[in-house]
Each structure stands twice: as C-alpha cells, then as structure tokens.
C-alpha cells in the first residue's frame, strides 16, 4: 500500500511506491555548496540516504569556506517511506579550509571568532541523530525538512591568515551540537 498526499492523505492499495530519490539541500545551494543526495528504500519503513557536499570557492577579500563532506544516514519512516515523519542515524566526515571570515560567534564550546584573523584547516568525523518531515508536492516531488544533532571530532592546523604564514597551532576539538540543517528538494521515482 502506498500513501500519497496532495492536500490530504489518499490511500491507494494498488499504487506503486517510489523506491529511489535524488535530492538537493537548498540551504547548501544558497551557500554555493554543490550537493547531491540519493536515497534508496530497503524496506517499507526503512531507507538509506547518502549526501555529498563540495565547496572549493575562494570568496571576495580572500575569505575561505572550502570543504567537502559525506553524510550517510539510515532512516526509519513512521508512516511510509519518503512521506511524513522520520528519524535518522547518521555518520559524517570530510575536510575543511576556513579563514578570513569576520565573525564573533561562540557556540556550544566552539569559538568560531578565531576564523576572523586566522585560517583553520583539517578533517572531521562524527555521528548523530536526526528528525525530519517530508511533504509531498506532487506524485514525484517532495519538500523535506531535517535537523540533526550529534558529535564531531576534528583535527586541525591553524595559520595566521587566509593564504600565508607559519603554522600557529595543531590540535583537536570535540564538538557536540547541531550537525545538520536541511531543506531538501526531492525527486522520487
């Protein structure tokens, strides 16, 4: 049985449900981060999703927001796959190179203001939990919202400016907090 929603719920016992979806996170798109996600049904209520994200641009005034990331996630859907509420268990990992980003942000034990006058590069690994909801826009298009929280372990090198200087510090950092925010445009087939 497949449930499809267009302003309400319609139960169609003979309808074919989608088993594969591709998606883009509109929040990443807004930050010029190239991203693509794919999700595959593995049972009536379970799916497996992986997203990849890449940003290698140097912004004006030599600001850096370079990174790549991979984030696989197992999802349990409370109703049927690809529609309604879901929870997820996710992993994430990647590399980054951030610097010359004027800010005064201190959040959950992390001091991002160091990026104002420094460049920080390194790698990270972590895991977390997510909650989301997917609205059907049409038979194949959905809009999906997701928030994730978790842990990330990162190893980094800090330099005195975005493109120059000797190594100032090597270290590691343990981060607990939000690990994902997504507004995904989804096409399922």
C-alpha atoms as a PDB file:
ATOM      1  CA  UNK A   1       0.000   0.000   0.000  1.00  0.00           C
ATOM      2  CA  UNK A   2       1.286   3.456  -0.874  1.00  0.00           C
ATOM      3  CA  UNK A   3       0.241   6.732   0.697  1.00  0.00           C
ATOM      4  CA  UNK A   4       0.368   9.845  -1.449  1.00  0.00           C
ATOM      5  CA  UNK A   5      -0.576  13.256  -0.151  1.00  0.00           C
ATOM      6  CA  UNK A   6      -1.800  16.243  -2.115  1.00  0.00           C
ATOM      7  CA  UNK A   7      -3.510  18.469   0.429  1.00  0.00           C
ATOM      8  CA  UNK A   8      -4.556  15.382   2.401  1.00  0.00           C
ATOM      9  CA  UNK A   9      -3.928  11.654   2.516  1.00  0.00           C
ATOM     10  CA  UNK A  10      -5.054   9.244  -0.146  1.00  0.00           C
ATOM     11  CA  UNK A  11      -4.631   5.522   0.449  1.00  0.00           C
ATOM     12  CA  UNK A  12      -4.161   3.687  -2.826  1.00  0.00           C
ATOM     13  CA  UNK A  13      -3.644  -0.071  -2.278  1.00  0.00           C
ATOM     14  CA  UNK A  14      -2.694  -0.741  -5.923  1.00  0.00           C
ATOM     15  CA  UNK A  15      -0.364   2.259  -6.359  1.00  0.00           C
ATOM     16  CA  UNK A  16       3.363   1.769  -6.810  1.00  0.00           C
ATOM     17  CA  UNK A  17       5.523   3.485  -4.212  1.00  0.00           C
ATOM     18  CA  UNK A  18       8.795   5.120  -5.121  1.00  0.00           C
ATOM     19  CA  UNK A  19      11.987   3.257  -4.183  1.00  0.00           C
ATOM     20  CA  UNK A  20      14.704   5.779  -5.140  1.00  0.00           C
ATOM     21  CA  UNK A  21      15.008   9.519  -4.569  1.00  0.00           C
ATOM     22  CA  UNK A  22      17.548  12.175  -5.521  1.00  0.00           C
ATOM     23  CA  UNK A  23      17.729  15.491  -3.701  1.00  0.00           C
ATOM     24  CA  UNK A  24      19.494  18.782  -3.204  1.00  0.00           C
ATOM     25  CA  UNK A  25      19.725  20.764   0.043  1.00  0.00           C
ATOM     26  CA  UNK A  26      18.502  24.275  -0.761  1.00  0.00           C
ATOM     27  CA  UNK A  27      20.409  25.701   2.250  1.00  0.00           C
ATOM     28  CA  UNK A  28      23.697  24.384   0.835  1.00  0.00           C
ATOM     29  CA  UNK A  29      22.709  25.670  -2.612  1.00  0.00           C
ATOM     30  CA  UNK A  30      22.284  29.154  -1.077  1.00  0.00           C
ATOM     31  CA  UNK A  31      25.890  28.998   0.217  1.00  0.00           C
ATOM     32  CA  UNK A  32      27.211  27.960  -3.249  1.00  0.00           C
ATOM     33  CA  UNK A  33      27.965  24.468  -1.946  1.00  0.00           C
ATOM     34  CA  UNK A  34      27.499  21.821  -4.619  1.00  0.00           C
ATOM     35  CA  UNK A  35      25.500  18.979  -3.090  1.00  0.00           C
ATOM     36  CA  UNK A  36      23.639  15.884  -4.134  1.00  0.00           C
ATOM     37  CA  UNK A  37      21.836  13.250  -2.131  1.00  0.00           C
ATOM     38  CA  UNK A  38      20.458   9.846  -3.097  1.00  0.00           C
ATOM     39  CA  UNK A  39      18.081   7.714  -1.040  1.00  0.00           C
ATOM     40  CA  UNK A  40      17.124   4.078  -1.580  1.00  0.00           C
ATOM     41  CA  UNK A  41      14.290   2.115   0.040  1.00  0.00           C
ATOM     42  CA  UNK A  42      15.479  -1.026   1.812  1.00  0.00           C
ATOM     43  CA  UNK A  43      12.090  -1.983   3.303  1.00  0.00           C
ATOM     44  CA  UNK A  44       8.592  -0.446   3.587  1.00  0.00           C
ATOM     45  CA  UNK A  45       9.693   1.789   6.504  1.00  0.00           C
ATOM     46  CA  UNK A  46      13.498   1.978   6.142  1.00  0.00           C
ATOM     47  CA  UNK A  47      15.641   3.913   3.660  1.00  0.00           C
ATOM     48  CA  UNK A  48      19.356   4.581   3.296  1.00  0.00           C
ATOM     49  CA  UNK A  49      20.469   8.046   2.226  1.00  0.00           C
ATOM     50  CA  UNK A  50      23.888   9.484   1.401  1.00  0.00           C
ATOM     51  CA  UNK A  51      24.649  13.102   0.617  1.00  0.00           C
ATOM     52  CA  UNK A  52      27.881  14.591  -0.666  1.00  0.00           C
ATOM     53  CA  UNK A  53      28.769  18.281  -0.427  1.00  0.00           C
ATOM     54  CA  UNK A  54      31.617  20.222  -2.020  1.00  0.00           C
ATOM     55  CA  UNK A  55      32.669  23.861  -1.907  1.00  0.00           C
ATOM     56  CA  UNK A  56      36.070  24.883  -3.287  1.00  0.00           C
ATOM     57  CA  UNK A  57      35.499  28.567  -3.897  1.00  0.00           C
ATOM     58  CA  UNK A  58      37.634  31.439  -2.635  1.00  0.00           C
ATOM     59  CA  UNK A  59      35.266  34.311  -1.896  1.00  0.00           C
ATOM     60  CA  UNK A  60      35.994  38.050  -2.280  1.00  0.00           C
ATOM     61  CA  UNK A  61      38.614  39.502   0.086  1.00  0.00           C
ATOM     62  CA  UNK A  62      40.305  36.055   0.177  1.00  0.00           C
ATOM     63  CA  UNK A  63      37.690  34.568   2.512  1.00  0.00           C
ATOM     64  CA  UNK A  64      37.749  30.760   2.643  1.00  0.00           C
ATOM     65  CA  UNK A  65      34.797  28.421   3.089  1.00  0.00           C
ATOM     66  CA  UNK A  66      36.240  25.357   1.365  1.00  0.00           C
ATOM     67  CA  UNK A  67      35.102  21.890   2.358  1.00  0.00           C
ATOM     68  CA  UNK A  68      33.885  18.517   1.263  1.00  0.00           C
ATOM     69  CA  UNK A  69      31.668  16.226   3.305  1.00  0.00           C
ATOM     70  CA  UNK A  70      29.941  12.844   3.026  1.00  0.00           C
ATOM     71  CA  UNK A  71      26.962  12.060   5.248  1.00  0.00           C
ATOM     72  CA  UNK A  72      25.335   8.589   5.100  1.00  0.00           C
ATOM     73  CA  UNK A  73      22.109   8.118   7.064  1.00  0.00           C
ATOM     74  CA  UNK A  74      19.722   5.265   7.865  1.00  0.00           C
ATOM     75  CA  UNK A  75      16.115   6.468   8.162  1.00  0.00           C
ATOM     76  CA  UNK A  76      13.044   4.992   9.802  1.00  0.00           C
ATOM     77  CA  UNK A  77       9.743   6.371   8.431  1.00  0.00           C
ATOM     78  CA  UNK A  78       6.776   6.346  10.802  1.00  0.00           C
ATOM     79  CA  UNK A  79       4.168   6.014   8.041  1.00  0.00           C
ATOM     80  CA  UNK A  80       5.566   5.025   4.643  1.00  0.00           C
ATOM     81  CA  UNK A  81       8.945   5.663   3.086  1.00  0.00           C
ATOM     82  CA  UNK A  82       9.556   9.110   1.548  1.00  0.00           C
ATOM     83  CA  UNK A  83       6.486  10.727   3.155  1.00  0.00           C
ATOM     84  CA  UNK A  84       5.730  12.095   6.627  1.00  0.00           C
ATOM     85  CA  UNK A  85       7.834  11.937   9.800  1.00  0.00           C
ATOM     86  CA  UNK A  86      11.171  10.126  10.030  1.00  0.00           C
ATOM     87  CA  UNK A  87      14.139   9.714  12.351  1.00  0.00           C
ATOM     88  CA  UNK A  88      17.661   9.011  11.221  1.00  0.00           C
ATOM     89  CA  UNK A  89      21.015   7.765  12.440  1.00  0.00           C
ATOM     90  CA  UNK A  90      23.846   9.445  10.560  1.00  0.00           C
ATOM     91  CA  UNK A  91      27.603   9.485  10.158  1.00  0.00           C
ATOM     92  CA  UNK A  92      29.574  12.400   8.723  1.00  0.00           C
ATOM     93  CA  UNK A  93      33.128  13.048   7.678  1.00  0.00           C
ATOM     94  CA  UNK A  94      35.166  15.351   5.497  1.00  0.00           C
ATOM     95  CA  UNK A  95      37.828  18.048   5.268  1.00  0.00           C
ATOM     96  CA  UNK A  96      37.692  21.825   5.563  1.00  0.00           C
ATOM     97  CA  UNK A  97      39.727  25.005   4.993  1.00  0.00           C
ATOM     98  CA  UNK A  98      38.060  28.078   6.560  1.00  0.00           C
ATOM     99  CA  UNK A  99      39.526  31.528   7.099  1.00  0.00           C
ATOM    100  CA  UNK A 100      39.243  35.303   6.974  1.00  0.00           C
ATOM    101  CA  UNK A 101      35.560  35.076   7.982  1.00  0.00           C
ATOM    102  CA  UNK A 102      34.757  38.132  10.101  1.00  0.00           C
ATOM    103  CA  UNK A 103      32.519  36.993  12.985  1.00  0.00           C
ATOM    104  CA  UNK A 104      32.158  36.922  16.759  1.00  0.00           C
ATOM    105  CA  UNK A 105      30.371  33.578  17.091  1.00  0.00           C
ATOM    106  CA  UNK A 106      30.871  31.372  20.141  1.00  0.00           C
ATOM    107  CA  UNK A 107      28.504  28.413  20.143  1.00  0.00           C
ATOM    108  CA  UNK A 108      28.332  25.294  22.347  1.00  0.00           C
ATOM    109  CA  UNK A 109      32.000  25.341  23.317  1.00  0.00           C
ATOM    110  CA  UNK A 110      33.304  26.239  19.849  1.00  0.00           C
ATOM    111  CA  UNK A 111      34.900  29.643  19.209  1.00  0.00           C
ATOM    112  CA  UNK A 112      34.351  30.482  15.532  1.00  0.00           C
ATOM    113  CA  UNK A 113      35.661  34.039  16.025  1.00  0.00           C
ATOM    114  CA  UNK A 114      39.188  32.616  15.578  1.00  0.00           C
ATOM    115  CA  UNK A 115      38.307  32.480  11.848  1.00  0.00           C
ATOM    116  CA  UNK A 116      38.279  36.292  11.684  1.00  0.00           C
ATOM    117  CA  UNK A 117      42.086  36.606  11.635  1.00  0.00           C
ATOM    118  CA  UNK A 118      43.157  33.003  11.043  1.00  0.00           C
ATOM    119  CA  UNK A 119      42.802  30.099   8.653  1.00  0.00           C
ATOM    120  CA  UNK A 120      41.913  26.702  10.076  1.00  0.00           C
ATOM    121  CA  UNK A 121      42.127  23.533   8.042  1.00  0.00           C
ATOM    122  CA  UNK A 122      41.705  19.888   8.943  1.00  0.00           C
ATOM    123  CA  UNK A 123      39.389  16.898   8.885  1.00  0.00           C
ATOM    124  CA  UNK A 124      36.420  15.655  10.924  1.00  0.00           C
ATOM    125  CA  UNK A 125      34.441  12.505  11.696  1.00  0.00           C
ATOM    126  CA  UNK A 126      31.258  12.152  13.678  1.00  0.00           C
ATOM    127  CA  UNK A 127      27.805  10.718  14.180  1.00  0.00           C
ATOM    128  CA  UNK A 128      24.389  11.952  15.155  1.00  0.00           C
ATOM    129  CA  UNK A 129      20.632  11.611  15.181  1.00  0.00           C
ATOM    130  CA  UNK A 130      18.134  13.451  13.009  1.00  0.00           C
ATOM    131  CA  UNK A 131      14.425  14.175  12.824  1.00  0.00           C
ATOM    132  CA  UNK A 132      12.642  15.235   9.676  1.00  0.00           C
ATOM    133  CA  UNK A 133       9.408  15.548   7.805  1.00  0.00           C
ATOM    134  CA  UNK A 134       8.730  15.180   4.083  1.00  0.00           C
ATOM    135  CA  UNK A 135       5.737  16.833   2.356  1.00  0.00           C
ATOM    136  CA  UNK A 136       4.507  15.561  -0.982  1.00  0.00           C
ATOM    137  CA  UNK A 137       4.258  18.381  -3.518  1.00  0.00           C
ATOM    138  CA  UNK A 138       3.184  16.091  -6.364  1.00  0.00           C
ATOM    139  CA  UNK A 139       3.459  12.426  -7.302  1.00  0.00           C
ATOM    140  CA  UNK A 140       7.262  12.629  -7.651  1.00  0.00           C
ATOM    141  CA  UNK A 141       8.318  15.875  -5.909  1.00  0.00           C
ATOM    142  CA  UNK A 142       8.677  16.341  -2.122  1.00  0.00           C
ATOM    143  CA  UNK A 143       9.931  19.083   0.155  1.00  0.00           C
ATOM    144  CA  UNK A 144      11.824  17.683   3.120  1.00  0.00           C
ATOM    145  CA  UNK A 145      12.926  19.404   6.334  1.00  0.00           C
ATOM    146  CA  UNK A 146      15.552  17.845   8.619  1.00  0.00           C
ATOM    147  CA  UNK A 147      17.529  18.796  11.730  1.00  0.00           C
ATOM    148  CA  UNK A 148      20.367  16.725  13.134  1.00  0.00           C
ATOM    149  CA  UNK A 149      22.350  16.833  16.376  1.00  0.00           C
ATOM    150  CA  UNK A 150      25.423  14.870  17.265  1.00  0.00           C
ATOM    151  CA  UNK A 151      29.155  14.753  17.776  1.00  0.00           C
ATOM    152  CA  UNK A 152      32.130  15.593  15.570  1.00  0.00           C
ATOM    153  CA  UNK A 153      35.803  15.013  16.307  1.00  0.00           C
ATOM    154  CA  UNK A 154      38.104  17.280  14.330  1.00  0.00           C
ATOM    155  CA  UNK A 155      41.871  17.575  13.934  1.00  0.00           C
ATOM    156  CA  UNK A 156      43.090  20.960  12.681  1.00  0.00           C
ATOM    157  CA  UNK A 157      46.031  23.220  11.852  1.00  0.00           C
ATOM    158  CA  UNK A 158      45.700  26.979  12.476  1.00  0.00           C
ATOM    159  CA  UNK A 159      47.547  29.619  10.418  1.00  0.00           C
ATOM    160  CA  UNK A 160      47.790  33.420  10.959  1.00  0.00           C
ATOM    161  CA  UNK A 161      45.928  34.445   7.776  1.00  0.00           C
ATOM    162  CA  UNK A 162      43.851  33.014   4.963  1.00  0.00           C
ATOM    163  CA  UNK A 163      46.679  32.372   2.495  1.00  0.00           C
ATOM    164  CA  UNK A 164      50.009  32.850   4.295  1.00  0.00           C
ATOM    165  CA  UNK A 165      52.024  32.292   7.418  1.00  0.00           C
ATOM    166  CA  UNK A 166      53.654  29.651   9.521  1.00  0.00           C
ATOM    167  CA  UNK A 167      51.725  27.073  11.460  1.00  0.00           C
ATOM    168  CA  UNK A 168      50.481  28.584  14.743  1.00  0.00           C
ATOM    169  CA  UNK A 169      48.841  25.577  16.328  1.00  0.00           C
ATOM    170  CA  UNK A 170      47.890  21.963  15.787  1.00  0.00           C
ATOM    171  CA  UNK A 171      45.098  20.497  17.814  1.00  0.00           C
ATOM    172  CA  UNK A 172      41.867  18.610  18.035  1.00  0.00           C
ATOM    173  CA  UNK A 173      38.381  19.567  19.112  1.00  0.00           C
ATOM    174  CA  UNK A 174      35.293  17.729  20.329  1.00  0.00           C
ATOM    175  CA  UNK A 175      32.029  19.266  19.137  1.00  0.00           C
ATOM    176  CA  UNK A 176      28.527  18.438  20.393  1.00  0.00           C
ATOM    177  CA  UNK A 177      25.558  20.220  18.865  1.00  0.00           C
ATOM    178  CA  UNK A 178      23.705  20.713  15.582  1.00  0.00           C
ATOM    179  CA  UNK A 179      25.270  18.686  12.772  1.00  0.00           C
ATOM    180  CA  UNK A 180      22.690  19.158  10.029  1.00  0.00           C
ATOM    181  CA  UNK A 181      20.048  21.586   8.813  1.00  0.00           C
ATOM    182  CA  UNK A 182      18.367  20.739   5.538  1.00  0.00           C
ATOM    183  CA  UNK A 183      15.549  21.901   3.340  1.00  0.00           C
ATOM    184  CA  UNK A 184      15.725  19.307   0.588  1.00  0.00           C
ATOM    185  CA  UNK A 185      14.005  19.412  -2.770  1.00  0.00           C
ATOM    186  CA  UNK A 186      13.397  15.722  -3.528  1.00  0.00           C
ATOM    187  CA  UNK A 187      12.521  13.866  -6.711  1.00  0.00           C
ATOM    188  CA  UNK A 188      11.482  10.247  -6.195  1.00  0.00           C
ATOM    189  CA  UNK A 189      10.978   7.564  -8.802  1.00  0.00           C
END
